[in-house]
Amino acid sequence: MQHLDDSDFITYLLKADSEAVFEDKRRHLRNCVECQKALADVEDFNRHLRDAVMWRAADDLSNADSLRQSLSEWAARLAEEDAKASALLGLILRSPGEFIWADVGNKYRGDAQAGVVRILCQTAREFFERDPLHARTLAEHATLVAEAIADDVYPAVITAELRGMAWKECANAFRYLGLFDAANDALNRAERAYRRLPDSSLPLAITGFIRASVFYKSERFEEAAALASTAATEFSRLRQTTRYSHARALEASAFARMGRPAAARDVTLPLLAAAEAENDLPLRARLSANLASYHIELGELQQAGVLLHAALQLYGELDIVTEANRARWLLGRLELRSGRFDTALPQLRRSIDECVARGMLTDAALVLLDVCEALIIAGRRTQEITTHCRDLAARFKAAGMLTSALTALAFLREAASLRQLTPSVVTHVRTFFERLEEHPQLLFVPPVEPRR
């Protein structure tokens, strides 16, 4: 058998040959040192292309005498810079105070700028949920370093990729902090950088998806749905199946917030089927819980129950405690909608306790409103509501969350003690708490009493 060429190596690695041809190539490789070395080079080349920066650099470097050698050299340089940046920044990355004093973005003008940008962005992603303020600081310093890179330091495509990456992570940090105008501005800057790439299809689809998330969180639901749909279409074209599912799921959530649960259900059903076929357990769990909530809104309670029990089992297997608690909360709402108050109330009370124990105080307030609804419908005592309001207010104060949530809880407690708690009052307070997490400066305004 003659030596294998690049095409043979690719089909071999993908196992796209027939069994007989595959075995024939394997036999040749066992006995041919030259082909073994060539295969190792191809594997190394493919590994480099898994890095998004190097993958998009392939077109920019395509006129080089040896594309494979050029990419390998640049990938090795970036890996060396990453290691140097990690050693340079060290533990200060995870200490907000030390990092601010180091002033990396303004002071660092070393020879590993790409590594610094990449490490700062990578670390920022780790802090989005745990400490979004620190994530913002890291991402903003990444933009300072990226924008300071001289034009002749790296190939233009690598510089554009680094700047786009830095501004994209800045936008994500602003999104988590509820700074939506700043997030949109950062996305504009990311898109300007990405448009300098030879092929900007994927990064622009990603920034479009992030912008849809920003619109969703800022309650611009129609725009969020439209942008999520556009991003999903592009992800589908590019065969980005996981990103496609997340974009369509966001579109469904926007439909639900627009009061269109049937549309949300219809978008989510095929996504869940695909996640089941792929055996993507985290996505299956999330989509099952989302779909259950849409079924509850539509009064399709049997379907909701099946999905919630499936989601709870998956969250248990995955040890995702926070989402499991939210699924149990939905189970309590399901019992409530089914008219089973004697089982709904204990379930909802447990959900309040779990939310409080995990510091999910806004969620605890929302569960309390479900308890209020159950007690009103059942014509039961209201002392329990005043007790929960007092306890939650104390928790908010202890956590330093001195927001107008305290005003809302005080209003709810007073309405319950005066026996003036009605379904419309509960709905008004619920709307406030649903918006509070994304708008922490939101003021609570009591409902306007109808004129008599």
Protein backbone atom coordinates (compact mmCIF):
# COMPACT_ATOMS: atom_id res chain seq x y z
CA MET A 1 0.00 0.00 0.00
CA GLN A 2 1.32 3.48 -0.89
CA HIS A 3 1.83 6.16 1.77
CA LEU A 4 -1.29 7.90 3.12
CA ASP A 5 -2.03 11.51 2.19
CA ASP A 6 -3.82 14.25 4.19
CA SER A 7 -7.23 13.15 2.87
CA ASP A 8 -6.57 9.59 4.03
CA PHE A 9 -5.54 10.82 7.47
CA ILE A 10 -8.71 12.92 7.89
CA THR A 11 -11.06 10.07 6.92
CA TYR A 12 -9.04 7.76 9.18
CA LEU A 13 -9.38 10.11 12.16
CA LEU A 14 -13.10 10.54 11.49
CA LYS A 15 -13.47 6.77 11.00
CA ALA A 16 -15.37 7.55 7.81
CA ASP A 17 -13.96 4.62 5.81
CA SER A 18 -15.55 1.24 5.40
CA GLU A 19 -14.42 -1.27 8.01
CA ALA A 20 -12.13 -3.04 5.53
CA VAL A 21 -10.45 0.17 4.32
CA PHE A 22 -10.11 1.44 7.89
CA GLU A 23 -8.39 -1.77 8.96
CA ASP A 24 -6.13 -1.64 5.88
CA LYS A 25 -4.96 1.88 6.85
CA ARG A 26 -4.46 0.85 10.46
CA ARG A 27 -2.30 -2.07 9.34
CA HIS A 28 -0.19 0.26 7.16
CA LEU A 29 0.25 2.72 10.03
CA ARG A 30 1.50 0.01 12.35
CA ASN A 31 4.38 -0.69 9.95
CA CYS A 32 5.16 2.76 8.46
CA VAL A 33 7.19 5.18 10.59
CA GLU A 34 6.87 7.94 7.98
CA CYS A 35 3.05 7.80 8.01
CA GLN A 36 2.99 7.57 11.80
CA LYS A 37 4.89 10.88 11.96
CA ALA A 38 2.63 12.46 9.33
CA LEU A 39 -0.49 11.34 11.25
CA ALA A 40 0.92 12.88 14.45
CA ASP A 41 1.39 16.17 12.56
CA VAL A 42 -2.22 16.07 11.31
CA GLU A 43 -3.49 15.35 14.83
CA ASP A 44 -1.43 18.27 16.17
CA PHE A 45 -2.79 20.50 13.41
CA ASN A 46 -6.39 19.52 14.26
CA ARG A 47 -5.72 20.18 17.94
CA HIS A 48 -4.56 23.71 17.11
CA LEU A 49 -7.71 24.35 15.12
CA ARG A 50 -9.84 23.59 18.18
CA ASP A 51 -8.66 26.95 19.54
CA ALA A 52 -11.12 29.51 18.12
CA VAL A 53 -8.33 32.04 17.57
CA MET A 54 -6.25 29.64 15.48
CA TRP A 55 -9.27 28.24 13.63
CA ARG A 56 -10.15 31.68 12.32
CA ALA A 57 -6.48 32.47 11.68
CA ALA A 58 -6.33 29.65 9.12
CA ASP A 59 -7.78 31.82 6.36
CA ASP A 60 -5.54 34.77 7.23
CA LEU A 61 -2.43 32.60 7.09
CA SER A 62 -3.50 30.66 4.01
CA ASN A 63 -0.87 32.31 1.81
CA ALA A 64 1.95 31.13 4.04
CA ASP A 65 4.39 28.66 2.49
CA SER A 66 3.19 25.98 4.89
CA LEU A 67 -0.19 26.60 6.49
CA ARG A 68 0.22 23.69 8.86
CA GLN A 69 3.66 24.81 10.00
CA SER A 70 2.55 28.45 10.33
CA LEU A 71 -0.51 27.54 12.41
CA SER A 72 1.54 25.23 14.58
CA GLU A 73 4.09 27.96 15.25
CA TRP A 74 1.43 30.54 16.14
CA ALA A 75 -0.48 28.04 18.30
CA ALA A 76 2.73 27.21 20.15
CA ARG A 77 3.41 30.92 20.67
CA LEU A 78 -0.09 31.55 22.04
CA ALA A 79 0.20 28.56 24.37
CA GLU A 80 3.54 29.92 25.61
CA GLU A 81 1.96 33.35 26.14
CA ASP A 82 -0.95 31.79 28.06
CA ALA A 83 1.52 30.08 30.39
CA LYS A 84 3.52 33.28 30.81
CA ALA A 85 0.37 35.31 31.54
CA SER A 86 -0.80 32.75 34.10
CA ALA A 87 2.56 32.95 35.87
CA LEU A 88 2.57 36.76 35.67
CA LEU A 89 -0.94 37.27 37.01
CA GLY A 90 -0.97 34.31 39.40
CA LEU A 91 -3.23 34.52 42.40
CA ILE A 92 -4.14 38.19 41.90
CA LEU A 93 -6.66 37.07 39.27
CA ARG A 94 -8.89 35.67 42.00
CA SER A 95 -8.43 38.48 44.50
CA PRO A 96 -10.49 41.54 43.49
CA GLY A 97 -8.57 43.90 45.76
CA GLU A 98 -5.09 42.79 44.67
CA PHE A 99 -6.10 42.79 41.01
CA ILE A 100 -7.39 46.36 41.15
CA TRP A 101 -4.14 47.53 42.79
CA ALA A 102 -2.08 45.71 40.15
CA ASP A 103 -3.80 47.81 37.42
CA VAL A 104 -2.96 45.21 34.79
CA GLY A 105 -4.85 46.86 31.95
CA ASN A 106 -2.99 50.16 32.18
CA LYS A 107 0.45 48.97 33.28
CA TYR A 108 1.00 45.80 31.28
CA ARG A 109 2.68 46.32 27.91
CA GLY A 110 4.74 43.12 27.85
CA ASP A 111 5.42 40.61 25.13
CA ALA A 112 2.56 38.27 26.01
CA GLN A 113 -0.43 40.52 25.44
CA ALA A 114 -2.48 37.81 23.72
CA GLY A 115 -1.91 35.50 26.68
CA VAL A 116 -2.96 38.21 29.15
CA VAL A 117 -6.17 38.92 27.21
CA ARG A 118 -7.04 35.24 26.93
CA ILE A 119 -6.35 34.47 30.61
CA LEU A 120 -8.29 37.54 31.76
CA CYS A 121 -11.29 36.53 29.61
CA GLN A 122 -11.12 32.92 30.74
CA THR A 123 -11.05 33.93 34.41
CA ALA A 124 -13.85 36.47 33.92
CA ARG A 125 -16.09 33.68 32.61
CA GLU A 126 -15.50 31.77 35.85
CA PHE A 127 -16.73 34.72 37.93
CA PHE A 128 -19.86 35.81 36.03
CA GLU A 129 -22.25 34.13 38.47
CA ARG A 130 -20.13 34.09 41.62
CA ASP A 131 -18.81 37.67 41.53
CA PRO A 132 -19.97 39.66 38.49
CA LEU A 133 -18.27 42.84 39.72
CA HIS A 134 -14.88 41.10 39.67
CA ALA A 135 -15.73 39.56 36.28
CA ARG A 136 -16.40 43.07 34.99
CA THR A 137 -13.03 44.31 36.28
CA LEU A 138 -11.21 41.39 34.64
CA ALA A 139 -13.01 41.85 31.31
CA GLU A 140 -12.49 45.62 31.25
CA HIS A 141 -8.76 45.15 31.80
CA ALA A 142 -8.78 42.59 28.97
CA THR A 143 -10.19 45.27 26.64
CA LEU A 144 -7.48 47.74 27.70
CA VAL A 145 -4.73 45.24 26.88
CA ALA A 146 -6.39 44.12 23.65
CA GLU A 147 -6.91 47.63 22.33
CA ALA A 148 -3.26 48.49 23.10
CA ILE A 149 -1.86 45.71 20.86
CA ALA A 150 0.16 47.21 18.01
CA ASP A 151 -0.80 46.20 14.47
CA ASP A 152 2.49 44.42 13.78
CA VAL A 153 2.59 42.17 16.86
CA TYR A 154 0.19 39.46 15.65
CA PRO A 155 -1.56 38.60 12.39
CA ALA A 156 -4.55 40.92 11.96
CA VAL A 157 -7.04 38.10 12.46
CA ILE A 158 -5.60 37.19 15.87
CA THR A 159 -5.70 40.81 17.03
CA ALA A 160 -9.33 41.16 15.85
CA GLU A 161 -10.26 37.91 17.60
CA LEU A 162 -8.66 39.05 20.87
CA ARG A 163 -10.44 42.41 20.80
CA GLY A 164 -13.78 40.82 19.95
CA MET A 165 -13.34 38.27 22.74
CA ALA A 166 -12.50 40.93 25.33
CA TRP A 167 -15.48 43.14 24.47
CA LYS A 168 -17.80 40.13 24.32
CA GLU A 169 -16.84 39.07 27.88
CA CYS A 170 -17.24 42.70 28.98
CA ALA A 171 -20.78 42.61 27.59
CA ASN A 172 -21.49 39.38 29.49
CA ALA A 173 -20.27 40.93 32.75
CA PHE A 174 -22.47 44.01 32.22
CA ARG A 175 -25.42 41.69 31.46
CA TYR A 176 -25.00 39.89 34.78
CA LEU A 177 -24.84 43.25 36.58
CA GLY A 178 -28.00 44.53 34.91
CA LEU A 179 -26.08 47.30 33.06
CA PHE A 180 -27.89 46.75 29.80
CA ASP A 181 -26.91 49.93 27.92
CA ALA A 182 -23.25 49.26 28.70
CA ALA A 183 -23.69 45.65 27.57
CA ASN A 184 -25.12 46.75 24.22
CA ASP A 185 -22.27 49.21 23.72
CA ALA A 186 -19.69 46.48 24.46
CA LEU A 187 -21.44 44.17 21.99
CA ASN A 188 -21.23 46.88 19.32
CA ARG A 189 -17.46 47.06 19.89
CA ALA A 190 -17.15 43.26 19.82
CA GLU A 191 -19.03 43.10 16.52
CA ARG A 192 -16.80 45.80 14.97
CA ALA A 193 -13.75 43.71 15.86
CA TYR A 194 -15.26 40.43 14.67
CA ARG A 195 -16.24 41.92 11.29
CA ARG A 196 -12.51 42.19 10.52
CA LEU A 197 -12.27 38.38 10.50
CA PRO A 198 -12.24 36.50 7.18
CA ASP A 199 -15.33 34.59 8.36
CA SER A 200 -17.27 36.31 11.14
CA SER A 201 -20.41 34.15 10.91
CA LEU A 202 -20.07 32.27 14.19
CA PRO A 203 -18.76 35.08 16.45
CA LEU A 204 -21.45 37.45 15.15
CA ALA A 205 -24.13 34.82 15.79
CA ILE A 206 -22.79 34.46 19.35
CA THR A 207 -22.85 38.22 19.96
CA GLY A 208 -26.38 38.27 18.54
CA PHE A 209 -27.42 35.62 21.04
CA ILE A 210 -25.85 37.56 23.92
CA ARG A 211 -27.68 40.69 22.76
CA ALA A 212 -30.93 38.70 22.75
CA SER A 213 -30.17 37.75 26.38
CA VAL A 214 -29.60 41.41 27.22
CA PHE A 215 -32.92 42.37 25.64
CA TYR A 216 -34.66 39.55 27.53
CA LYS A 217 -33.26 40.69 30.86
CA SER A 218 -34.20 44.30 30.13
CA GLU A 219 -37.78 43.14 29.36
CA ARG A 220 -37.60 43.86 25.63
CA PHE A 221 -39.14 40.48 24.96
CA GLU A 222 -40.24 40.93 21.34
CA GLU A 223 -36.76 42.06 20.30
CA ALA A 224 -35.22 39.25 22.35
CA ALA A 225 -37.35 36.64 20.60
CA ALA A 226 -36.52 38.02 17.15
CA LEU A 227 -32.77 38.16 17.81
CA ALA A 228 -32.73 34.70 19.41
CA SER A 229 -34.53 33.29 16.38
CA THR A 230 -32.00 34.90 14.01
CA ALA A 231 -29.09 33.55 16.05
CA ALA A 232 -30.68 30.08 16.12
CA THR A 233 -31.01 30.07 12.34
CA GLU A 234 -27.32 30.91 11.96
CA PHE A 235 -26.28 28.33 14.57
CA SER A 236 -28.29 25.73 12.67
CA ARG A 237 -26.56 26.64 9.39
CA LEU A 238 -23.17 26.35 11.09
CA ARG A 239 -24.17 23.05 12.75
CA GLN A 240 -23.73 24.47 16.24
CA THR A 241 -26.38 22.22 17.73
CA THR A 242 -25.93 23.10 21.41
CA ARG A 243 -25.90 26.83 20.71
CA TYR A 244 -28.95 26.38 18.48
CA SER A 245 -30.86 24.73 21.34
CA HIS A 246 -29.94 27.49 23.80
CA ALA A 247 -31.00 30.20 21.33
CA ARG A 248 -34.37 28.57 20.68
CA ALA A 249 -34.87 28.03 24.43
CA LEU A 250 -34.30 31.75 24.98
CA GLU A 251 -36.82 32.49 22.23
CA ALA A 252 -39.33 30.26 24.01
CA SER A 253 -38.72 32.01 27.34
CA ALA A 254 -39.35 35.37 25.66
CA PHE A 255 -42.63 34.05 24.22
CA ALA A 256 -43.67 32.93 27.71
CA ARG A 257 -42.93 36.36 29.18
CA MET A 258 -44.99 37.91 26.36
CA GLY A 259 -47.99 35.87 27.52
CA ARG A 260 -47.66 33.28 24.73
CA PRO A 261 -47.13 29.97 26.57
CA ALA A 262 -48.47 27.93 23.64
CA ALA A 263 -45.78 29.36 21.34
CA ALA A 264 -43.16 28.70 24.04
CA ARG A 265 -44.35 25.11 24.36
CA ASP A 266 -44.27 24.52 20.60
CA VAL A 267 -40.71 25.82 20.31
CA THR A 268 -39.49 23.73 23.26
CA LEU A 269 -41.03 20.35 22.35
CA PRO A 270 -38.63 19.55 19.45
CA LEU A 271 -35.68 20.87 21.46
CA LEU A 272 -36.43 18.40 24.25
CA ALA A 273 -36.77 15.55 21.74
CA ALA A 274 -33.36 16.44 20.27
CA ALA A 275 -31.76 16.67 23.73
CA GLU A 276 -33.15 13.23 24.56
CA ALA A 277 -31.78 11.81 21.30
CA GLU A 278 -28.36 13.30 22.08
CA ASN A 279 -28.61 12.20 25.75
CA ASP A 280 -27.65 15.73 26.84
CA LEU A 281 -28.71 15.39 30.48
CA PRO A 282 -28.26 19.03 31.67
CA LEU A 283 -30.15 20.37 28.66
CA ARG A 284 -32.87 17.71 29.05
CA ALA A 285 -33.36 18.70 32.68
CA ARG A 286 -33.55 22.41 31.93
CA LEU A 287 -35.89 22.00 28.95
CA SER A 288 -38.13 19.59 30.88
CA ALA A 289 -38.57 22.13 33.69
CA ASN A 290 -39.15 24.99 31.22
CA LEU A 291 -41.69 22.99 29.25
CA ALA A 292 -43.46 21.99 32.47
CA SER A 293 -43.90 25.65 33.40
CA TYR A 294 -45.49 26.36 29.98
CA HIS A 295 -47.84 23.38 30.39
CA ILE A 296 -48.87 24.68 33.82
CA GLU A 297 -49.75 28.07 32.35
CA LEU A 298 -51.81 26.31 29.67
CA GLY A 299 -53.60 24.12 32.22
CA GLU A 300 -51.97 20.98 30.77
CA LEU A 301 -51.23 19.66 34.23
CA GLN A 302 -50.70 15.96 33.55
CA GLN A 303 -47.94 16.67 31.01
CA ALA A 304 -46.38 19.16 33.44
CA GLY A 305 -46.26 16.57 36.23
CA VAL A 306 -44.47 13.98 34.08
CA LEU A 307 -41.89 16.53 32.97
CA LEU A 308 -41.24 17.88 36.46
CA HIS A 309 -40.59 14.44 37.91
CA ALA A 310 -38.21 13.74 35.01
CA ALA A 311 -36.41 17.06 35.60
CA LEU A 312 -36.09 16.36 39.33
CA GLN A 313 -34.58 12.94 38.67
CA LEU A 314 -32.07 14.41 36.21
CA TYR A 315 -31.11 17.29 38.52
CA GLY A 316 -30.59 14.74 41.29
CA GLU A 317 -28.28 12.66 39.10
CA LEU A 318 -26.37 15.78 38.04
CA ASP A 319 -26.30 17.22 41.60
CA ILE A 320 -27.65 20.58 40.39
CA VAL A 321 -29.23 21.62 43.67
CA THR A 322 -30.44 25.13 42.83
CA GLU A 323 -32.40 24.07 39.75
CA ALA A 324 -33.78 21.04 41.59
CA ASN A 325 -35.22 23.40 44.19
CA ARG A 326 -36.89 25.47 41.46
CA ALA A 327 -38.36 22.28 39.97
CA ARG A 328 -39.81 21.36 43.38
CA TRP A 329 -41.27 24.86 43.58
CA LEU A 330 -42.94 24.28 40.20
CA LEU A 331 -44.28 21.00 41.57
CA GLY A 332 -45.89 22.96 44.39
CA ARG A 333 -47.44 25.34 41.84
CA LEU A 334 -48.72 22.34 39.91
CA GLU A 335 -50.41 21.01 43.03
CA LEU A 336 -51.87 24.45 43.61
CA ARG A 337 -53.27 24.67 40.08
CA SER A 338 -54.70 21.18 40.50
CA GLY A 339 -56.65 22.35 43.58
CA ARG A 340 -54.73 20.07 45.93
CA PHE A 341 -54.04 22.70 48.61
CA ASP A 342 -53.22 20.21 51.37
CA THR A 343 -50.27 18.90 49.35
CA ALA A 344 -49.39 22.21 47.65
CA LEU A 345 -48.86 24.17 50.87
CA PRO A 346 -46.30 21.79 52.50
CA GLN A 347 -44.41 21.60 49.20
CA LEU A 348 -44.30 25.39 48.85
CA ARG A 349 -43.29 25.86 52.50
CA ARG A 350 -40.35 23.48 51.96
CA SER A 351 -39.38 25.46 48.87
CA ILE A 352 -39.31 28.69 50.89
CA ASP A 353 -37.01 27.05 53.45
CA GLU A 354 -34.71 25.69 50.72
CA CYS A 355 -34.53 29.08 48.97
CA VAL A 356 -33.69 30.85 52.23
CA ALA A 357 -31.06 28.24 53.12
CA ARG A 358 -29.32 28.79 49.77
CA GLY A 359 -29.56 32.58 49.83
CA MET A 360 -32.14 32.67 47.01
CA LEU A 361 -34.16 35.36 48.75
CA THR A 362 -35.99 36.77 45.72
CA ASP A 363 -37.09 33.26 44.80
CA ALA A 364 -38.20 32.74 48.41
CA ALA A 365 -40.41 35.84 48.11
CA LEU A 366 -41.93 34.52 44.88
CA VAL A 367 -42.69 31.16 46.50
CA LEU A 368 -44.27 33.02 49.41
CA LEU A 369 -46.64 34.68 46.94
CA ASP A 370 -47.71 31.22 45.76
CA VAL A 371 -48.40 30.38 49.41
CA CYS A 372 -50.47 33.57 49.67
CA GLU A 373 -52.45 32.53 46.60
CA ALA A 374 -53.09 29.08 48.06
CA LEU A 375 -54.24 30.44 51.41
CA ILE A 376 -56.53 33.01 49.78
CA ILE A 377 -58.16 30.41 47.53
CA ALA A 378 -58.53 27.95 50.39
CA GLY A 379 -59.93 30.64 52.68
CA ARG A 380 -57.32 29.76 55.29
CA ARG A 381 -55.54 31.72 58.02
CA THR A 382 -53.21 34.62 57.17
CA GLN A 383 -50.99 34.52 60.26
CA GLU A 384 -48.58 32.28 58.35
CA ILE A 385 -48.10 35.00 55.70
CA THR A 386 -47.18 37.67 58.27
CA THR A 387 -44.69 35.28 59.91
CA HIS A 388 -43.00 34.48 56.57
CA CYS A 389 -42.86 38.19 55.64
CA ARG A 390 -41.18 39.05 58.94
CA ASP A 391 -38.65 36.21 58.61
CA LEU A 392 -37.83 37.04 54.98
CA ALA A 393 -37.38 40.73 55.77
CA ALA A 394 -34.88 39.78 58.47
CA ARG A 395 -33.02 37.60 55.94
CA PHE A 396 -32.88 40.43 53.40
CA LYS A 397 -31.46 42.76 56.06
CA ALA A 398 -28.89 40.19 57.23
CA ALA A 399 -27.73 39.69 53.65
CA GLY A 400 -27.29 43.44 53.22
CA MET A 401 -30.01 43.51 50.56
CA LEU A 402 -31.58 46.73 51.73
CA THR A 403 -33.67 47.16 48.61
CA SER A 404 -37.31 48.07 48.22
CA ALA A 405 -37.98 44.34 48.67
CA LEU A 406 -38.32 45.24 52.35
CA THR A 407 -41.04 47.76 51.46
CA ALA A 408 -42.88 45.15 49.39
CA LEU A 409 -42.69 42.57 52.18
CA ALA A 410 -43.92 45.13 54.73
CA PHE A 411 -46.84 45.98 52.45
CA LEU A 412 -47.68 42.29 51.99
CA ARG A 413 -47.50 41.68 55.73
CA GLU A 414 -49.77 44.63 56.51
CA ALA A 415 -52.30 43.61 53.86
CA ALA A 416 -52.40 40.10 55.32
CA SER A 417 -52.79 41.34 58.91
CA LEU A 418 -55.63 43.67 57.85
CA ARG A 419 -57.23 40.85 55.84
CA GLN A 420 -56.96 42.98 52.69
CA LEU A 421 -54.87 40.49 50.75
CA THR A 422 -56.56 39.77 47.41
CA PRO A 423 -55.45 37.91 44.24
CA SER A 424 -54.85 41.26 42.48
CA VAL A 425 -52.60 42.44 45.32
CA VAL A 426 -50.64 39.18 45.15
CA THR A 427 -50.24 39.60 41.37
CA HIS A 428 -49.00 43.17 41.81
CA VAL A 429 -46.36 42.17 44.38
CA ARG A 430 -45.36 39.13 42.28
CA THR A 431 -44.71 41.34 39.24
CA PHE A 432 -42.43 43.52 41.37
CA PHE A 433 -40.36 40.59 42.64
CA GLU A 434 -40.12 39.05 39.16
CA ARG A 435 -38.51 42.29 37.93
CA LEU A 436 -36.41 42.98 41.03
CA GLU A 437 -33.61 40.52 40.33
CA GLU A 438 -32.79 42.16 37.00
CA HIS A 439 -33.52 45.70 38.28
CA PRO A 440 -32.17 45.87 41.88
CA GLN A 441 -32.82 49.63 42.09
CA LEU A 442 -36.51 49.19 41.28
CA LEU A 443 -38.83 50.95 43.74
CA PHE A 444 -41.93 49.25 45.07
CA VAL A 445 -45.14 51.17 44.55
CA PRO A 446 -48.34 49.83 46.20
CA PRO A 447 -51.25 49.11 43.85
CA VAL A 448 -53.64 51.95 43.21
CA GLU A 449 -56.90 51.35 45.04
CA PRO A 450 -59.96 51.53 42.77
CA ARG A 451 -62.21 54.52 43.37
CA ARG A 452 -65.44 53.79 45.16
